[in-house]
């Protein structure tokens, strides 16, 4: 899980993308995330897709799409740092 520029738990590509998103968007990151999630929930309710509406809305948040597209939950390769140099 990522909260702004802090990762709680394992470091992977998905969470690293969230850190960069928070750095790029600054103070508007959380409001955009929340608004995107809320709009997704509303659209799911309007279209009658009520099964797991909150979870499915989370999966369609623009920042989540971006993070999953960047590498999902795979580990990060740090290049030379990985080999002990």
PDB file of N, CA and C in Angstrom:
ATOM      1  N   UNK A   1       0.846  -1.185   0.000  1.00  0.00           N
ATOM      2  CA  UNK A   1       0.000   0.000   0.000  1.00  0.00           C
ATOM      3  C   UNK A   1       0.882   1.237   0.000  1.00  0.00           C
ATOM      4  N   UNK A   2       0.460   2.249  -0.728  1.00  0.00           N
ATOM      5  CA  UNK A   2       1.185   3.504  -0.809  1.00  0.00           C
ATOM      6  C   UNK A   2       0.305   4.617  -0.292  1.00  0.00           C
ATOM      7  N   UNK A   3       0.869   5.488   0.518  1.00  0.00           N
ATOM      8  CA  UNK A   3       0.165   6.679   0.984  1.00  0.00           C
ATOM      9  C   UNK A   3       1.040   7.871   0.641  1.00  0.00           C
ATOM     10  N   UNK A   4       0.702   8.529  -0.457  1.00  0.00           N
ATOM     11  CA  UNK A   4       1.547   9.631  -0.931  1.00  0.00           C
ATOM     12  C   UNK A   4       2.875   9.096  -1.420  1.00  0.00           C
ATOM     13  N   UNK A   5       3.954   9.556  -0.803  1.00  0.00           N
ATOM     14  CA  UNK A   5       5.278   9.101  -1.218  1.00  0.00           C
ATOM     15  C   UNK A   5       5.859   8.074  -0.258  1.00  0.00           C
ATOM     16  N   UNK A   6       5.001   7.463   0.571  1.00  0.00           N
ATOM     17  CA  UNK A   6       5.443   6.458   1.538  1.00  0.00           C
ATOM     18  C   UNK A   6       4.811   5.113   1.199  1.00  0.00           C
ATOM     19  N   UNK A   7       5.654   4.074   1.121  1.00  0.00           N
ATOM     20  CA  UNK A   7       5.161   2.727   0.842  1.00  0.00           C
ATOM     21  C   UNK A   7       5.146   1.929   2.138  1.00  0.00           C
ATOM     22  N   UNK A   8       3.990   1.351   2.457  1.00  0.00           N
ATOM     23  CA  UNK A   8       3.871   0.480   3.607  1.00  0.00           C
ATOM     24  C   UNK A   8       3.772  -0.951   3.104  1.00  0.00           C
ATOM     25  N   UNK A   9       4.763  -1.763   3.380  1.00  0.00           N
ATOM     26  CA  UNK A   9       4.763  -3.132   2.867  1.00  0.00           C
ATOM     27  C   UNK A   9       5.868  -3.316   1.856  1.00  0.00           C
ATOM     28  N   UNK A  10       5.668  -4.232   0.932  1.00  0.00           N
ATOM     29  CA  UNK A  10       6.698  -4.558  -0.051  1.00  0.00           C
ATOM     30  C   UNK A  10       6.827  -3.514  -1.147  1.00  0.00           C
ATOM     31  N   UNK A  11       8.039  -3.335  -1.610  1.00  0.00           N
ATOM     32  CA  UNK A  11       8.332  -2.378  -2.677  1.00  0.00           C
ATOM     33  C   UNK A  11       8.284  -3.121  -3.993  1.00  0.00           C
ATOM     34  N   UNK A  12       7.410  -2.715  -4.893  1.00  0.00           N
ATOM     35  CA  UNK A  12       7.335  -3.322  -6.208  1.00  0.00           C
ATOM     36  C   UNK A  12       7.005  -2.242  -7.232  1.00  0.00           C
ATOM     37  N   UNK A  13       6.964  -2.607  -8.487  1.00  0.00           N
ATOM     38  CA  UNK A  13       6.733  -1.622  -9.558  1.00  0.00           C
ATOM     39  C   UNK A  13       5.422  -0.869  -9.378  1.00  0.00           C
ATOM     40  N   UNK A  14       4.380  -1.597  -9.042  1.00  0.00           N
ATOM     41  CA  UNK A  14       3.068  -0.979  -8.883  1.00  0.00           C
ATOM     42  C   UNK A  14       3.122   0.138  -7.839  1.00  0.00           C
ATOM     43  N   UNK A  15       3.679  -0.167  -6.683  1.00  0.00           N
ATOM     44  CA  UNK A  15       3.735   0.829  -5.605  1.00  0.00           C
ATOM     45  C   UNK A  15       4.700   1.963  -5.949  1.00  0.00           C
ATOM     46  N   UNK A  16       5.776   1.659  -6.642  1.00  0.00           N
ATOM     47  CA  UNK A  16       6.710   2.705  -7.044  1.00  0.00           C
ATOM     48  C   UNK A  16       6.028   3.703  -7.979  1.00  0.00           C
ATOM     49  N   UNK A  17       5.182   3.214  -8.871  1.00  0.00           N
ATOM     50  CA  UNK A  17       4.447   4.106  -9.768  1.00  0.00           C
ATOM     51  C   UNK A  17       3.549   5.040  -8.954  1.00  0.00           C
ATOM     52  N   UNK A  18       2.914   4.526  -7.903  1.00  0.00           N
ATOM     53  CA  UNK A  18       2.083   5.388  -7.060  1.00  0.00           C
ATOM     54  C   UNK A  18       2.917   6.481  -6.386  1.00  0.00           C
ATOM     55  N   UNK A  19       4.128   6.147  -5.969  1.00  0.00           N
ATOM     56  CA  UNK A  19       5.014   7.150  -5.374  1.00  0.00           C
ATOM     57  C   UNK A  19       5.302   8.254  -6.389  1.00  0.00           C
ATOM     58  N   UNK A  20       5.628   7.866  -7.617  1.00  0.00           N
ATOM     59  CA  UNK A  20       5.911   8.858  -8.655  1.00  0.00           C
ATOM     60  C   UNK A  20       4.669   9.672  -9.011  1.00  0.00           C
ATOM     61  N   UNK A  21       3.514   9.032  -9.009  1.00  0.00           N
ATOM     62  CA  UNK A  21       2.273   9.760  -9.273  1.00  0.00           C
ATOM     63  C   UNK A  21       2.052  10.827  -8.207  1.00  0.00           C
ATOM     64  N   UNK A  22       2.246  10.455  -6.949  1.00  0.00           N
ATOM     65  CA  UNK A  22       2.068  11.408  -5.846  1.00  0.00           C
ATOM     66  C   UNK A  22       3.059  12.561  -5.962  1.00  0.00           C
ATOM     67  N   UNK A  23       4.268  12.262  -6.395  1.00  0.00           N
ATOM     68  CA  UNK A  23       5.263  13.330  -6.568  1.00  0.00           C
ATOM     69  C   UNK A  23       4.909  14.241  -7.736  1.00  0.00           C
ATOM     70  N   UNK A  24       4.419  13.670  -8.821  1.00  0.00           N
ATOM     71  CA  UNK A  24       4.083  14.473 -10.007  1.00  0.00           C
ATOM     72  C   UNK A  24       2.840  15.335  -9.794  1.00  0.00           C
ATOM     73  N   UNK A  25       1.819  14.771  -9.162  1.00  0.00           N
ATOM     74  CA  UNK A  25       0.553  15.473  -9.020  1.00  0.00           C
ATOM     75  C   UNK A  25       0.453  16.270  -7.721  1.00  0.00           C
ATOM     76  N   UNK A  26       1.362  16.014  -6.796  1.00  0.00           N
ATOM     77  CA  UNK A  26       1.407  16.788  -5.558  1.00  0.00           C
ATOM     78  C   UNK A  26       0.103  16.743  -4.778  1.00  0.00           C
ATOM     79  N   UNK A  27      -0.340  17.909  -4.299  1.00  0.00           N
ATOM     80  CA  UNK A  27      -1.517  17.942  -3.422  1.00  0.00           C
ATOM     81  C   UNK A  27      -2.833  17.588  -4.106  1.00  0.00           C
ATOM     82  N   UNK A  28      -2.874  17.545  -5.425  1.00  0.00           N
ATOM     83  CA  UNK A  28      -4.133  17.178  -6.093  1.00  0.00           C
ATOM     84  C   UNK A  28      -4.248  15.670  -6.341  1.00  0.00           C
ATOM     85  N   UNK A  29      -3.195  14.916  -5.991  1.00  0.00           N
ATOM     86  CA  UNK A  29      -3.201  13.464  -6.221  1.00  0.00           C
ATOM     87  C   UNK A  29      -4.379  12.784  -5.514  1.00  0.00           C
ATOM     88  N   UNK A  30      -4.529  13.000  -4.218  1.00  0.00           N
ATOM     89  CA  UNK A  30      -5.601  12.339  -3.463  1.00  0.00           C
ATOM     90  C   UNK A  30      -6.997  12.794  -3.892  1.00  0.00           C
ATOM     91  N   UNK A  31      -7.219  14.103  -4.100  1.00  0.00           N
ATOM     92  CA  UNK A  31      -8.551  14.500  -4.591  1.00  0.00           C
ATOM     93  C   UNK A  31      -8.888  13.895  -5.956  1.00  0.00           C
ATOM     94  N   UNK A  32      -7.930  13.831  -6.868  1.00  0.00           N
ATOM     95  CA  UNK A  32      -8.188  13.218  -8.177  1.00  0.00           C
ATOM     96  C   UNK A  32      -8.486  11.741  -8.012  1.00  0.00           C
ATOM     97  N   UNK A  33      -7.705  11.055  -7.181  1.00  0.00           N
ATOM     98  CA  UNK A  33      -7.910   9.628  -6.933  1.00  0.00           C
ATOM     99  C   UNK A  33      -9.320   9.403  -6.380  1.00  0.00           C
ATOM    100  N   UNK A  34      -9.685  10.169  -5.350  1.00  0.00           N
ATOM    101  CA  UNK A  34     -10.991  10.011  -4.730  1.00  0.00           C
ATOM    102  C   UNK A  34     -12.136  10.327  -5.677  1.00  0.00           C
ATOM    103  N   UNK A  35     -11.992  11.388  -6.460  1.00  0.00           N
ATOM    104  CA  UNK A  35     -13.029  11.758  -7.420  1.00  0.00           C
ATOM    105  C   UNK A  35     -13.194  10.691  -8.490  1.00  0.00           C
ATOM    106  N   UNK A  36     -12.090  10.167  -8.967  1.00  0.00           N
ATOM    107  CA  UNK A  36     -12.119   9.108  -9.977  1.00  0.00           C
ATOM    108  C   UNK A  36     -12.840   7.873  -9.426  1.00  0.00           C
ATOM    109  N   UNK A  37     -12.510   7.495  -8.200  1.00  0.00           N
ATOM    110  CA  UNK A  37     -13.150   6.333  -7.578  1.00  0.00           C
ATOM    111  C   UNK A  37     -14.656   6.585  -7.404  1.00  0.00           C
ATOM    112  N   UNK A  38     -15.005   7.769  -6.900  1.00  0.00           N
ATOM    113  CA  UNK A  38     -16.410   8.095  -6.673  1.00  0.00           C
ATOM    114  C   UNK A  38     -17.206   8.073  -7.974  1.00  0.00           C
ATOM    115  N   UNK A  39     -16.662   8.662  -9.028  1.00  0.00           N
ATOM    116  CA  UNK A  39     -17.352   8.657 -10.317  1.00  0.00           C
ATOM    117  C   UNK A  39     -17.523   7.232 -10.846  1.00  0.00           C
ATOM    118  N   UNK A  40     -16.510   6.396 -10.648  1.00  0.00           N
ATOM    119  CA  UNK A  40     -16.613   4.999 -11.077  1.00  0.00           C
ATOM    120  C   UNK A  40     -17.718   4.267 -10.314  1.00  0.00           C
ATOM    121  N   UNK A  41     -17.827   4.519  -9.013  1.00  0.00           N
ATOM    122  CA  UNK A  41     -18.900   3.900  -8.217  1.00  0.00           C
ATOM    123  C   UNK A  41     -20.261   4.370  -8.725  1.00  0.00           C
ATOM    124  N   UNK A  42     -20.396   5.669  -8.943  1.00  0.00           N
ATOM    125  CA  UNK A  42     -21.673   6.217  -9.422  1.00  0.00           C
ATOM    126  C   UNK A  42     -22.053   5.602 -10.765  1.00  0.00           C
ATOM    127  N   UNK A  43     -21.091   5.539 -11.695  1.00  0.00           N
ATOM    128  CA  UNK A  43     -21.392   4.967 -13.011  1.00  0.00           C
ATOM    129  C   UNK A  43     -21.754   3.492 -12.915  1.00  0.00           C
ATOM    130  N   UNK A  44     -21.127   2.768 -11.988  1.00  0.00           N
ATOM    131  CA  UNK A  44     -21.472   1.351 -11.814  1.00  0.00           C
ATOM    132  C   UNK A  44     -22.900   1.232 -11.282  1.00  0.00           C
ATOM    133  N   UNK A  45     -23.270   2.096 -10.369  1.00  0.00           N
ATOM    134  CA  UNK A  45     -24.633   2.058  -9.819  1.00  0.00           C
ATOM    135  C   UNK A  45     -25.663   2.430 -10.884  1.00  0.00           C
ATOM    136  N   UNK A  46     -25.356   3.450 -11.686  1.00  0.00           N
ATOM    137  CA  UNK A  46     -26.277   3.881 -12.744  1.00  0.00           C
ATOM    138  C   UNK A  46     -26.490   2.776 -13.775  1.00  0.00           C
ATOM    139  N   UNK A  47     -25.424   2.066 -14.107  1.00  0.00           N
ATOM    140  CA  UNK A  47     -25.516   1.014 -15.130  1.00  0.00           C
ATOM    141  C   UNK A  47     -25.980  -0.321 -14.567  1.00  0.00           C
ATOM    142  N   UNK A  48     -26.237  -0.379 -13.252  1.00  0.00           N
ATOM    143  CA  UNK A  48     -26.758  -1.594 -12.650  1.00  0.00           C
ATOM    144  C   UNK A  48     -25.714  -2.648 -12.326  1.00  0.00           C
ATOM    145  N   UNK A  49     -24.455  -2.301 -12.397  1.00  0.00           N
ATOM    146  CA  UNK A  49     -23.380  -3.252 -12.064  1.00  0.00           C
ATOM    147  C   UNK A  49     -23.082  -3.128 -10.572  1.00  0.00           C
ATOM    148  N   UNK A  50     -23.907  -3.778  -9.766  1.00  0.00           N
ATOM    149  CA  UNK A  50     -23.855  -3.601  -8.323  1.00  0.00           C
ATOM    150  C   UNK A  50     -22.934  -4.580  -7.606  1.00  0.00           C
ATOM    151  N   UNK A  51     -22.547  -5.649  -8.265  1.00  0.00           N
ATOM    152  CA  UNK A  51     -21.692  -6.645  -7.623  1.00  0.00           C
ATOM    153  C   UNK A  51     -20.306  -6.063  -7.366  1.00  0.00           C
ATOM    154  N   UNK A  52     -19.920  -6.016  -6.110  1.00  0.00           N
ATOM    155  CA  UNK A  52     -18.613  -5.484  -5.700  1.00  0.00           C
ATOM    156  C   UNK A  52     -18.324  -4.123  -6.331  1.00  0.00           C
ATOM    157  N   UNK A  53     -19.283  -3.222  -6.271  1.00  0.00           N
ATOM    158  CA  UNK A  53     -19.163  -1.923  -6.935  1.00  0.00           C
ATOM    159  C   UNK A  53     -17.932  -1.149  -6.473  1.00  0.00           C
ATOM    160  N   UNK A  54     -17.640  -1.157  -5.171  1.00  0.00           N
ATOM    161  CA  UNK A  54     -16.487  -0.401  -4.653  1.00  0.00           C
ATOM    162  C   UNK A  54     -15.170  -0.983  -5.141  1.00  0.00           C
ATOM    163  N   UNK A  55     -15.051  -2.301  -5.119  1.00  0.00           N
ATOM    164  CA  UNK A  55     -13.811  -2.956  -5.559  1.00  0.00           C
ATOM    165  C   UNK A  55     -13.621  -2.790  -7.055  1.00  0.00           C
ATOM    166  N   UNK A  56     -14.668  -2.977  -7.811  1.00  0.00           N
ATOM    167  CA  UNK A  56     -14.576  -2.824  -9.263  1.00  0.00           C
ATOM    168  C   UNK A  56     -14.275  -1.371  -9.638  1.00  0.00           C
ATOM    169  N   UNK A  57     -14.810  -0.428  -8.883  1.00  0.00           N
ATOM    170  CA  UNK A  57     -14.524   0.982  -9.141  1.00  0.00           C
ATOM    171  C   UNK A  57     -13.050   1.276  -8.881  1.00  0.00           C
ATOM    172  N   UNK A  58     -12.497   0.685  -7.822  1.00  0.00           N
ATOM    173  CA  UNK A  58     -11.070   0.849  -7.513  1.00  0.00           C
ATOM    174  C   UNK A  58     -10.209   0.390  -8.694  1.00  0.00           C
ATOM    175  N   UNK A  59     -10.583  -0.712  -9.299  1.00  0.00           N
ATOM    176  CA  UNK A  59      -9.793  -1.263 -10.404  1.00  0.00           C
ATOM    177  C   UNK A  59      -9.808  -0.358 -11.635  1.00  0.00           C
ATOM    178  N   UNK A  60     -10.764   0.567 -11.715  1.00  0.00           N
ATOM    179  CA  UNK A  60     -10.856   1.467 -12.868  1.00  0.00           C
ATOM    180  C   UNK A  60     -10.381   2.886 -12.561  1.00  0.00           C
ATOM    181  N   UNK A  61      -9.833   3.111 -11.380  1.00  0.00           N
ATOM    182  CA  UNK A  61      -9.262   4.427 -11.071  1.00  0.00           C
ATOM    183  C   UNK A  61      -8.072   4.650 -11.998  1.00  0.00           C
ATOM    184  N   UNK A  62      -7.996   5.844 -12.568  1.00  0.00           N
ATOM    185  CA  UNK A  62      -6.955   6.127 -13.568  1.00  0.00           C
ATOM    186  C   UNK A  62      -5.544   5.842 -13.042  1.00  0.00           C
ATOM    187  N   UNK A  63      -5.272   6.162 -11.789  1.00  0.00           N
ATOM    188  CA  UNK A  63      -3.943   5.919 -11.232  1.00  0.00           C
ATOM    189  C   UNK A  63      -3.657   4.431 -11.069  1.00  0.00           C
ATOM    190  N   UNK A  64      -4.683   3.647 -10.781  1.00  0.00           N
ATOM    191  CA  UNK A  64      -4.500   2.200 -10.660  1.00  0.00           C
ATOM    192  C   UNK A  64      -4.243   1.572 -12.028  1.00  0.00           C
ATOM    193  N   UNK A  65      -4.992   2.006 -13.042  1.00  0.00           N
ATOM    194  CA  UNK A  65      -4.736   1.521 -14.405  1.00  0.00           C
ATOM    195  C   UNK A  65      -3.278   1.758 -14.789  1.00  0.00           C
ATOM    196  N   UNK A  66      -2.813   2.948 -14.516  1.00  0.00           N
ATOM    197  CA  UNK A  66      -1.452   3.347 -14.839  1.00  0.00           C
ATOM    198  C   UNK A  66      -0.439   2.462 -14.097  1.00  0.00           C
ATOM    199  N   UNK A  67      -0.651   2.256 -12.810  1.00  0.00           N
ATOM    200  CA  UNK A  67       0.287   1.470 -12.004  1.00  0.00           C
ATOM    201  C   UNK A  67       0.300   0.001 -12.423  1.00  0.00           C
ATOM    202  N   UNK A  68      -0.866  -0.577 -12.687  1.00  0.00           N
ATOM    203  CA  UNK A  68      -0.906  -1.975 -13.128  1.00  0.00           C
ATOM    204  C   UNK A  68      -0.283  -2.137 -14.509  1.00  0.00           C
ATOM    205  N   UNK A  69      -0.490  -1.159 -15.384  1.00  0.00           N
ATOM    206  CA  UNK A  69       0.103  -1.219 -16.723  1.00  0.00           C
ATOM    207  C   UNK A  69       1.623  -1.121 -16.671  1.00  0.00           C
ATOM    208  N   UNK A  70       2.136  -0.463 -15.655  1.00  0.00           N
ATOM    209  CA  UNK A  70       3.582  -0.268 -15.538  1.00  0.00           C
ATOM    210  C   UNK A  70       4.310  -1.491 -15.014  1.00  0.00           C
ATOM    211  N   UNK A  71       3.604  -2.473 -14.522  1.00  0.00           N
ATOM    212  CA  UNK A  71       4.322  -3.658 -14.068  1.00  0.00           C
ATOM    213  C   UNK A  71       3.621  -4.494 -13.041  1.00  0.00           C
ATOM    214  N   UNK A  72       2.416  -4.158 -12.721  1.00  0.00           N
ATOM    215  CA  UNK A  72       1.692  -4.981 -11.762  1.00  0.00           C
ATOM    216  C   UNK A  72       2.421  -5.083 -10.441  1.00  0.00           C
ATOM    217  N   UNK A  73       2.523  -6.279  -9.919  1.00  0.00           N
ATOM    218  CA  UNK A  73       3.157  -6.482  -8.620  1.00  0.00           C
ATOM    219  C   UNK A  73       4.530  -7.125  -8.724  1.00  0.00           C
ATOM    220  N   UNK A  74       5.168  -7.030  -9.893  1.00  0.00           N
ATOM    221  CA  UNK A  74       6.478  -7.656 -10.046  1.00  0.00           C
ATOM    222  C   UNK A  74       7.550  -6.854  -9.319  1.00  0.00           C
ATOM    223  N   UNK A  75       8.589  -7.544  -8.932  1.00  0.00           N
ATOM    224  CA  UNK A  75       9.692  -6.908  -8.214  1.00  0.00           C
ATOM    225  C   UNK A  75      10.453  -5.955  -9.126  1.00  0.00           C
ATOM    226  N   UNK A  76      11.113  -4.987  -8.526  1.00  0.00           N
ATOM    227  CA  UNK A  76      11.901  -4.010  -9.273  1.00  0.00           C
ATOM    228  C   UNK A  76      13.324  -4.515  -9.428  1.00  0.00           C
ATOM    229  N   UNK A  77      13.866  -4.396 -10.620  1.00  0.00           N
ATOM    230  CA  UNK A  77      15.272  -4.712 -10.863  1.00  0.00           C
ATOM    231  C   UNK A  77      16.072  -3.426 -10.692  1.00  0.00           C
ATOM    232  N   UNK A  78      17.012  -3.437  -9.754  1.00  0.00           N
ATOM    233  CA  UNK A  78      17.797  -2.243  -9.477  1.00  0.00           C
ATOM    234  C   UNK A  78      19.123  -2.239 -10.222  1.00  0.00           C
ATOM    235  N   UNK A  79      19.313  -3.114 -11.190  1.00  0.00           N
ATOM    236  CA  UNK A  79      20.542  -3.127 -11.978  1.00  0.00           C
ATOM    237  C   UNK A  79      21.741  -3.542 -11.167  1.00  0.00           C
ATOM    238  N   UNK A  80      22.772  -2.716 -11.126  1.00  0.00           N
ATOM    239  CA  UNK A  80      24.012  -3.043 -10.408  1.00  0.00           C
ATOM    240  C   UNK A  80      23.770  -3.234  -8.922  1.00  0.00           C
ATOM    241  N   UNK A  81      22.817  -2.521  -8.362  1.00  0.00           N
ATOM    242  CA  UNK A  81      22.550  -2.657  -6.918  1.00  0.00           C
ATOM    243  C   UNK A  81      22.099  -4.072  -6.563  1.00  0.00           C
ATOM    244  N   UNK A  82      21.448  -4.753  -7.497  1.00  0.00           N
ATOM    245  CA  UNK A  82      20.964  -6.112  -7.237  1.00  0.00           C
ATOM    246  C   UNK A  82      22.091  -7.108  -7.115  1.00  0.00           C
ATOM    247  N   UNK A  83      23.205  -6.815  -7.778  1.00  0.00           N
ATOM    248  CA  UNK A  83      24.314  -7.776  -7.755  1.00  0.00           C
ATOM    249  C   UNK A  83      25.310  -7.480  -6.642  1.00  0.00           C
ATOM    250  N   UNK A  84      25.001  -6.531  -5.771  1.00  0.00           N
ATOM    251  CA  UNK A  84      25.843  -6.285  -4.608  1.00  0.00           C
ATOM    252  C   UNK A  84      26.894  -5.212  -4.823  1.00  0.00           C
ATOM    253  N   UNK A  85      26.833  -4.469  -5.897  1.00  0.00           N
ATOM    254  CA  UNK A  85      27.822  -3.406  -6.124  1.00  0.00           C
ATOM    255  C   UNK A  85      27.311  -2.092  -5.641  1.00  0.00           C
TER     256      UNK A  85
END
